[in-house]
Amino acid sequence: MKTIIIIVVLTLIGLIGYSYVEEMKVGSSTTSQVEDSSSTFTISVSGEVKKAGTFVFKEGATMLDLLEAAGGATTNADPRAYDTSFVLRKSDKAYYIAPIFDNANTCASDPIEKANINTDDAETIHGITGMSSSVAHSLVTYRSTNPFFALEQIKDVPGIGPATFLTVKDKIILREAQE
């Protein structure tokens, strides 16, 4: 009889623990609470955030909402590489917060050299490892009518796919430092 009681108690503890973990996955931000599943979507965030993961949001959620759900940006997050007012796009599924310093080099004291995809010329953008001359020109042409507010938007440029994005995501910014 004791064995059955122990099994029942452990099962209840396990179920309570599982529901807590599932609740944490949804996120603690008020914008990530689910009320109407037809107007919600999931977005993942990785990179320089305190708690990388997947969170649920309502239509109209912004990058700021995503950062808040992820516990905020780390001290190594490059604020020039994201726009907190950017409205998240369901089609992106994931966003990346780029670092200022190279995480592979624990002694890094110099910031990563970056190109501004909204203002730099094609030659400067071509200087980024992974950007061919033709892709750099396509990016400059594309941005003339479609400015970038999130790094992931470069995948909308013809010739830039997921592989190129992975290669350049730490080497691009959206704007210069704010004064």
C-alpha atoms as a PDB file:
ATOM      1  CA  MET A   1       0.000   0.000   0.000  1.00  0.00           C
ATOM      2  CA  LYS A   2       2.857   2.391   0.829  1.00  0.00           C
ATOM      3  CA  THR A   3       4.334   1.747  -2.604  1.00  0.00           C
ATOM      4  CA  ILE A   4       1.109   2.767  -4.360  1.00  0.00           C
ATOM      5  CA  ILE A   5       0.820   5.938  -2.292  1.00  0.00           C
ATOM      6  CA  ILE A   6       4.441   6.839  -3.081  1.00  0.00           C
ATOM      7  CA  ILE A   7       3.857   6.231  -6.799  1.00  0.00           C
ATOM      8  CA  VAL A   8       0.699   8.400  -6.762  1.00  0.00           C
ATOM      9  CA  VAL A   9       2.483  11.216  -4.895  1.00  0.00           C
ATOM     10  CA  LEU A  10       5.496  11.108  -7.241  1.00  0.00           C
ATOM     11  CA  THR A  11       3.191  11.117 -10.259  1.00  0.00           C
ATOM     12  CA  LEU A  12       1.370  14.199  -8.956  1.00  0.00           C
ATOM     13  CA  ILE A  13       4.672  15.966  -8.287  1.00  0.00           C
ATOM     14  CA  GLY A  14       5.834  15.085 -11.807  1.00  0.00           C
ATOM     15  CA  LEU A  15       2.641  16.441 -13.380  1.00  0.00           C
ATOM     16  CA  ILE A  16       2.871  19.667 -11.410  1.00  0.00           C
ATOM     17  CA  GLY A  17       6.538  20.037 -12.392  1.00  0.00           C
ATOM     18  CA  TYR A  18       5.744  19.358 -16.059  1.00  0.00           C
ATOM     19  CA  SER A  19       2.968  21.977 -16.131  1.00  0.00           C
ATOM     20  CA  TYR A  20       5.361  24.517 -14.561  1.00  0.00           C
ATOM     21  CA  VAL A  21       8.013  23.830 -17.229  1.00  0.00           C
ATOM     22  CA  GLU A  22       5.442  24.144 -20.010  1.00  0.00           C
ATOM     23  CA  GLU A  23       4.217  27.453 -18.556  1.00  0.00           C
ATOM     24  CA  MET A  24       7.798  28.768 -18.522  1.00  0.00           C
ATOM     25  CA  LYS A  25       8.201  27.876 -22.213  1.00  0.00           C
ATOM     26  CA  VAL A  26       5.264  30.120 -23.095  1.00  0.00           C
ATOM     27  CA  GLY A  27       7.001  33.058 -21.421  1.00  0.00           C
ATOM     28  CA  SER A  28       6.226  35.307 -18.528  1.00  0.00           C
ATOM     29  CA  SER A  29       5.636  38.532 -20.457  1.00  0.00           C
ATOM     30  CA  THR A  30       2.047  39.752 -20.552  1.00  0.00           C
ATOM     31  CA  THR A  31       2.285  40.002 -24.335  1.00  0.00           C
ATOM     32  CA  SER A  32       3.070  36.319 -24.586  1.00  0.00           C
ATOM     33  CA  GLN A  33      -0.018  35.081 -22.719  1.00  0.00           C
ATOM     34  CA  VAL A  34      -2.410  33.140 -24.938  1.00  0.00           C
ATOM     35  CA  GLU A  35      -6.051  34.188 -25.068  1.00  0.00           C
ATOM     36  CA  ASP A  36      -7.165  33.665 -28.670  1.00  0.00           C
ATOM     37  CA  SER A  37      -5.065  31.100 -30.518  1.00  0.00           C
ATOM     38  CA  SER A  38      -6.206  32.381 -33.936  1.00  0.00           C
ATOM     39  CA  SER A  39      -4.332  35.662 -33.401  1.00  0.00           C
ATOM     40  CA  THR A  40      -1.226  34.177 -31.756  1.00  0.00           C
ATOM     41  CA  PHE A  41       2.010  32.828 -33.159  1.00  0.00           C
ATOM     42  CA  THR A  42       5.303  31.498 -31.863  1.00  0.00           C
ATOM     43  CA  ILE A  43       8.674  33.146 -32.369  1.00  0.00           C
ATOM     44  CA  SER A  44      12.090  31.946 -31.272  1.00  0.00           C
ATOM     45  CA  VAL A  45      14.975  34.148 -30.233  1.00  0.00           C
ATOM     46  CA  SER A  46      18.639  33.255 -29.897  1.00  0.00           C
ATOM     47  CA  GLY A  47      21.966  34.986 -29.601  1.00  0.00           C
ATOM     48  CA  GLU A  48      22.628  37.667 -27.023  1.00  0.00           C
ATOM     49  CA  VAL A  49      19.542  37.234 -24.848  1.00  0.00           C
ATOM     50  CA  LYS A  50      19.379  36.061 -21.252  1.00  0.00           C
ATOM     51  CA  LYS A  51      16.897  33.253 -21.942  1.00  0.00           C
ATOM     52  CA  ALA A  52      16.874  31.977 -25.533  1.00  0.00           C
ATOM     53  CA  GLY A  53      13.745  30.069 -26.471  1.00  0.00           C
ATOM     54  CA  THR A  54      10.374  30.071 -28.182  1.00  0.00           C
ATOM     55  CA  PHE A  55       7.588  32.345 -27.017  1.00  0.00           C
ATOM     56  CA  VAL A  56       3.932  32.905 -27.920  1.00  0.00           C
ATOM     57  CA  PHE A  57       2.776  36.367 -28.994  1.00  0.00           C
ATOM     58  CA  LYS A  58      -0.293  38.172 -30.241  1.00  0.00           C
ATOM     59  CA  GLU A  59      -0.420  39.998 -33.568  1.00  0.00           C
ATOM     60  CA  GLY A  60       1.404  43.329 -33.353  1.00  0.00           C
ATOM     61  CA  ALA A  61       4.060  42.174 -30.871  1.00  0.00           C
ATOM     62  CA  THR A  62       7.378  43.991 -31.211  1.00  0.00           C
ATOM     63  CA  MET A  63      11.045  43.141 -30.852  1.00  0.00           C
ATOM     64  CA  LEU A  64      10.861  44.776 -27.413  1.00  0.00           C
ATOM     65  CA  ASP A  65       8.152  42.268 -26.414  1.00  0.00           C
ATOM     66  CA  LEU A  66      10.364  39.416 -27.626  1.00  0.00           C
ATOM     67  CA  LEU A  67      13.373  40.728 -25.711  1.00  0.00           C
ATOM     68  CA  GLU A  68      11.294  41.109 -22.545  1.00  0.00           C
ATOM     69  CA  ALA A  69      10.005  37.534 -22.866  1.00  0.00           C
ATOM     70  CA  ALA A  70      13.620  36.377 -23.219  1.00  0.00           C
ATOM     71  CA  GLY A  71      14.666  38.160 -20.040  1.00  0.00           C
ATOM     72  CA  GLY A  72      16.326  41.029 -21.891  1.00  0.00           C
ATOM     73  CA  ALA A  73      19.463  41.405 -23.961  1.00  0.00           C
ATOM     74  CA  THR A  74      22.885  40.539 -22.564  1.00  0.00           C
ATOM     75  CA  THR A  75      25.608  43.140 -22.080  1.00  0.00           C
ATOM     76  CA  ASN A  76      27.242  41.797 -25.263  1.00  0.00           C
ATOM     77  CA  ALA A  77      24.139  42.463 -27.406  1.00  0.00           C
ATOM     78  CA  ASP A  78      24.778  44.964 -30.195  1.00  0.00           C
ATOM     79  CA  PRO A  79      21.954  47.555 -29.988  1.00  0.00           C
ATOM     80  CA  ARG A  80      22.759  48.650 -33.556  1.00  0.00           C
ATOM     81  CA  ALA A  81      21.641  45.217 -34.803  1.00  0.00           C
ATOM     82  CA  TYR A  82      18.016  45.263 -33.648  1.00  0.00           C
ATOM     83  CA  ASP A  83      15.124  47.730 -33.494  1.00  0.00           C
ATOM     84  CA  THR A  84      12.874  47.385 -30.443  1.00  0.00           C
ATOM     85  CA  SER A  85       9.928  48.990 -32.275  1.00  0.00           C
ATOM     86  CA  PHE A  86      10.039  46.455 -35.131  1.00  0.00           C
ATOM     87  CA  VAL A  87       6.759  44.502 -35.375  1.00  0.00           C
ATOM     88  CA  LEU A  88       7.548  40.774 -35.427  1.00  0.00           C
ATOM     89  CA  ARG A  89       6.692  38.922 -38.618  1.00  0.00           C
ATOM     90  CA  LYS A  90       5.094  35.479 -38.332  1.00  0.00           C
ATOM     91  CA  SER A  91       6.960  34.385 -41.432  1.00  0.00           C
ATOM     92  CA  ASP A  92      10.384  34.794 -39.796  1.00  0.00           C
ATOM     93  CA  LYS A  93       9.771  32.212 -37.036  1.00  0.00           C
ATOM     94  CA  ALA A  94      13.056  33.188 -35.323  1.00  0.00           C
ATOM     95  CA  TYR A  95      15.145  36.256 -34.565  1.00  0.00           C
ATOM     96  CA  TYR A  96      18.789  36.596 -33.677  1.00  0.00           C
ATOM     97  CA  ILE A  97      20.406  39.211 -31.417  1.00  0.00           C
ATOM     98  CA  ALA A  98      23.969  39.780 -32.613  1.00  0.00           C
ATOM     99  CA  PRO A  99      26.965  40.280 -30.315  1.00  0.00           C
ATOM    100  CA  ILE A 100      29.303  43.242 -30.121  1.00  0.00           C
ATOM    101  CA  PHE A 101      32.336  41.066 -29.382  1.00  0.00           C
ATOM    102  CA  ASP A 102      33.202  37.675 -30.876  1.00  0.00           C
ATOM    103  CA  ASN A 103      31.991  34.990 -28.461  1.00  0.00           C
ATOM    104  CA  ALA A 104      34.512  32.504 -29.856  1.00  0.00           C
ATOM    105  CA  ASN A 105      37.346  34.708 -28.602  1.00  0.00           C
ATOM    106  CA  THR A 106      37.093  34.968 -24.814  1.00  0.00           C
ATOM    107  CA  CYS A 107      39.799  37.640 -24.751  1.00  0.00           C
ATOM    108  CA  ALA A 108      38.175  39.823 -27.421  1.00  0.00           C
ATOM    109  CA  SER A 109      38.676  43.497 -26.695  1.00  0.00           C
ATOM    110  CA  ASP A 110      37.908  44.868 -30.151  1.00  0.00           C
ATOM    111  CA  PRO A 111      34.312  44.843 -31.422  1.00  0.00           C
ATOM    112  CA  ILE A 112      33.460  42.806 -34.522  1.00  0.00           C
ATOM    113  CA  GLU A 113      33.820  44.919 -37.681  1.00  0.00           C
ATOM    114  CA  LYS A 114      30.362  45.373 -39.142  1.00  0.00           C
ATOM    115  CA  ALA A 115      28.684  46.836 -42.199  1.00  0.00           C
ATOM    116  CA  ASN A 116      25.476  48.865 -42.033  1.00  0.00           C
ATOM    117  CA  ILE A 117      23.018  47.184 -44.389  1.00  0.00           C
ATOM    118  CA  ASN A 118      20.845  50.315 -44.514  1.00  0.00           C
ATOM    119  CA  THR A 119      23.497  52.889 -45.396  1.00  0.00           C
ATOM    120  CA  ASP A 120      26.838  51.369 -46.471  1.00  0.00           C
ATOM    121  CA  ASP A 121      27.687  51.126 -50.159  1.00  0.00           C
ATOM    122  CA  ALA A 122      27.857  47.826 -52.065  1.00  0.00           C
ATOM    123  CA  GLU A 123      31.656  47.750 -51.882  1.00  0.00           C
ATOM    124  CA  THR A 124      31.653  47.968 -48.069  1.00  0.00           C
ATOM    125  CA  ILE A 125      28.933  45.308 -47.817  1.00  0.00           C
ATOM    126  CA  HIS A 126      30.868  43.100 -50.247  1.00  0.00           C
ATOM    127  CA  GLY A 127      33.781  43.317 -47.793  1.00  0.00           C
ATOM    128  CA  ILE A 128      31.805  41.152 -45.370  1.00  0.00           C
ATOM    129  CA  THR A 129      32.864  37.513 -45.544  1.00  0.00           C
ATOM    130  CA  GLY A 130      30.032  35.644 -47.244  1.00  0.00           C
ATOM    131  CA  MET A 131      28.709  38.543 -49.340  1.00  0.00           C
ATOM    132  CA  SER A 132      29.449  38.313 -53.041  1.00  0.00           C
ATOM    133  CA  SER A 133      29.591  41.442 -55.156  1.00  0.00           C
ATOM    134  CA  SER A 134      26.293  40.632 -56.887  1.00  0.00           C
ATOM    135  CA  VAL A 135      24.530  39.938 -53.580  1.00  0.00           C
ATOM    136  CA  ALA A 136      25.866  43.207 -52.129  1.00  0.00           C
ATOM    137  CA  HIS A 137      24.476  45.104 -55.151  1.00  0.00           C
ATOM    138  CA  SER A 138      21.134  43.277 -54.820  1.00  0.00           C
ATOM    139  CA  LEU A 139      20.987  44.263 -51.142  1.00  0.00           C
ATOM    140  CA  VAL A 140      21.644  47.944 -51.936  1.00  0.00           C
ATOM    141  CA  THR A 141      18.977  47.914 -54.673  1.00  0.00           C
ATOM    142  CA  TYR A 142      16.461  46.127 -52.436  1.00  0.00           C
ATOM    143  CA  ARG A 143      16.894  48.500 -49.492  1.00  0.00           C
ATOM    144  CA  SER A 144      16.105  51.549 -51.652  1.00  0.00           C
ATOM    145  CA  THR A 145      12.426  50.594 -51.326  1.00  0.00           C
ATOM    146  CA  ASN A 146      12.596  48.220 -48.344  1.00  0.00           C
ATOM    147  CA  PRO A 147      14.707  49.466 -45.421  1.00  0.00           C
ATOM    148  CA  PHE A 148      15.814  46.851 -42.910  1.00  0.00           C
ATOM    149  CA  PHE A 149      14.501  46.844 -39.334  1.00  0.00           C
ATOM    150  CA  ALA A 150      15.593  43.293 -38.395  1.00  0.00           C
ATOM    151  CA  LEU A 151      18.658  41.338 -39.475  1.00  0.00           C
ATOM    152  CA  GLU A 152      16.453  38.474 -40.713  1.00  0.00           C
ATOM    153  CA  GLN A 153      14.952  40.739 -43.383  1.00  0.00           C
ATOM    154  CA  ILE A 154      18.083  40.345 -45.518  1.00  0.00           C
ATOM    155  CA  LYS A 155      16.756  36.868 -46.381  1.00  0.00           C
ATOM    156  CA  ASP A 156      14.093  38.706 -48.437  1.00  0.00           C
ATOM    157  CA  VAL A 157      16.842  39.926 -50.794  1.00  0.00           C
ATOM    158  CA  PRO A 158      17.259  37.762 -53.907  1.00  0.00           C
ATOM    159  CA  GLY A 159      20.442  35.700 -53.534  1.00  0.00           C
ATOM    160  CA  ILE A 160      20.475  35.737 -49.723  1.00  0.00           C
ATOM    161  CA  GLY A 161      19.250  32.582 -48.080  1.00  0.00           C
ATOM    162  CA  PRO A 162      19.624  30.909 -44.702  1.00  0.00           C
ATOM    163  CA  ALA A 163      23.256  29.889 -45.313  1.00  0.00           C
ATOM    164  CA  THR A 164      24.348  33.424 -46.195  1.00  0.00           C
ATOM    165  CA  PHE A 165      22.420  34.786 -43.225  1.00  0.00           C
ATOM    166  CA  LEU A 166      24.233  32.398 -40.867  1.00  0.00           C
ATOM    167  CA  THR A 167      27.567  33.545 -42.295  1.00  0.00           C
ATOM    168  CA  VAL A 168      26.920  37.304 -42.011  1.00  0.00           C
ATOM    169  CA  LYS A 169      24.513  37.708 -39.056  1.00  0.00           C
ATOM    170  CA  ASP A 170      27.266  38.816 -36.639  1.00  0.00           C
ATOM    171  CA  LYS A 171      28.825  41.204 -39.172  1.00  0.00           C
ATOM    172  CA  ILE A 172      25.881  43.437 -40.052  1.00  0.00           C
ATOM    173  CA  ILE A 173      24.015  46.241 -38.299  1.00  0.00           C
ATOM    174  CA  LEU A 174      20.854  48.221 -39.024  1.00  0.00           C
ATOM    175  CA  ARG A 175      22.003  51.664 -37.865  1.00  0.00           C
ATOM    176  CA  GLU A 176      24.927  53.517 -36.399  1.00  0.00           C
ATOM    177  CA  ALA A 177      25.257  54.067 -32.666  1.00  0.00           C
ATOM    178  CA  GLN A 178      22.623  56.334 -31.181  1.00  0.00           C
ATOM    179  CA  GLU A 179      23.933  59.499 -29.620  1.00  0.00           C
END
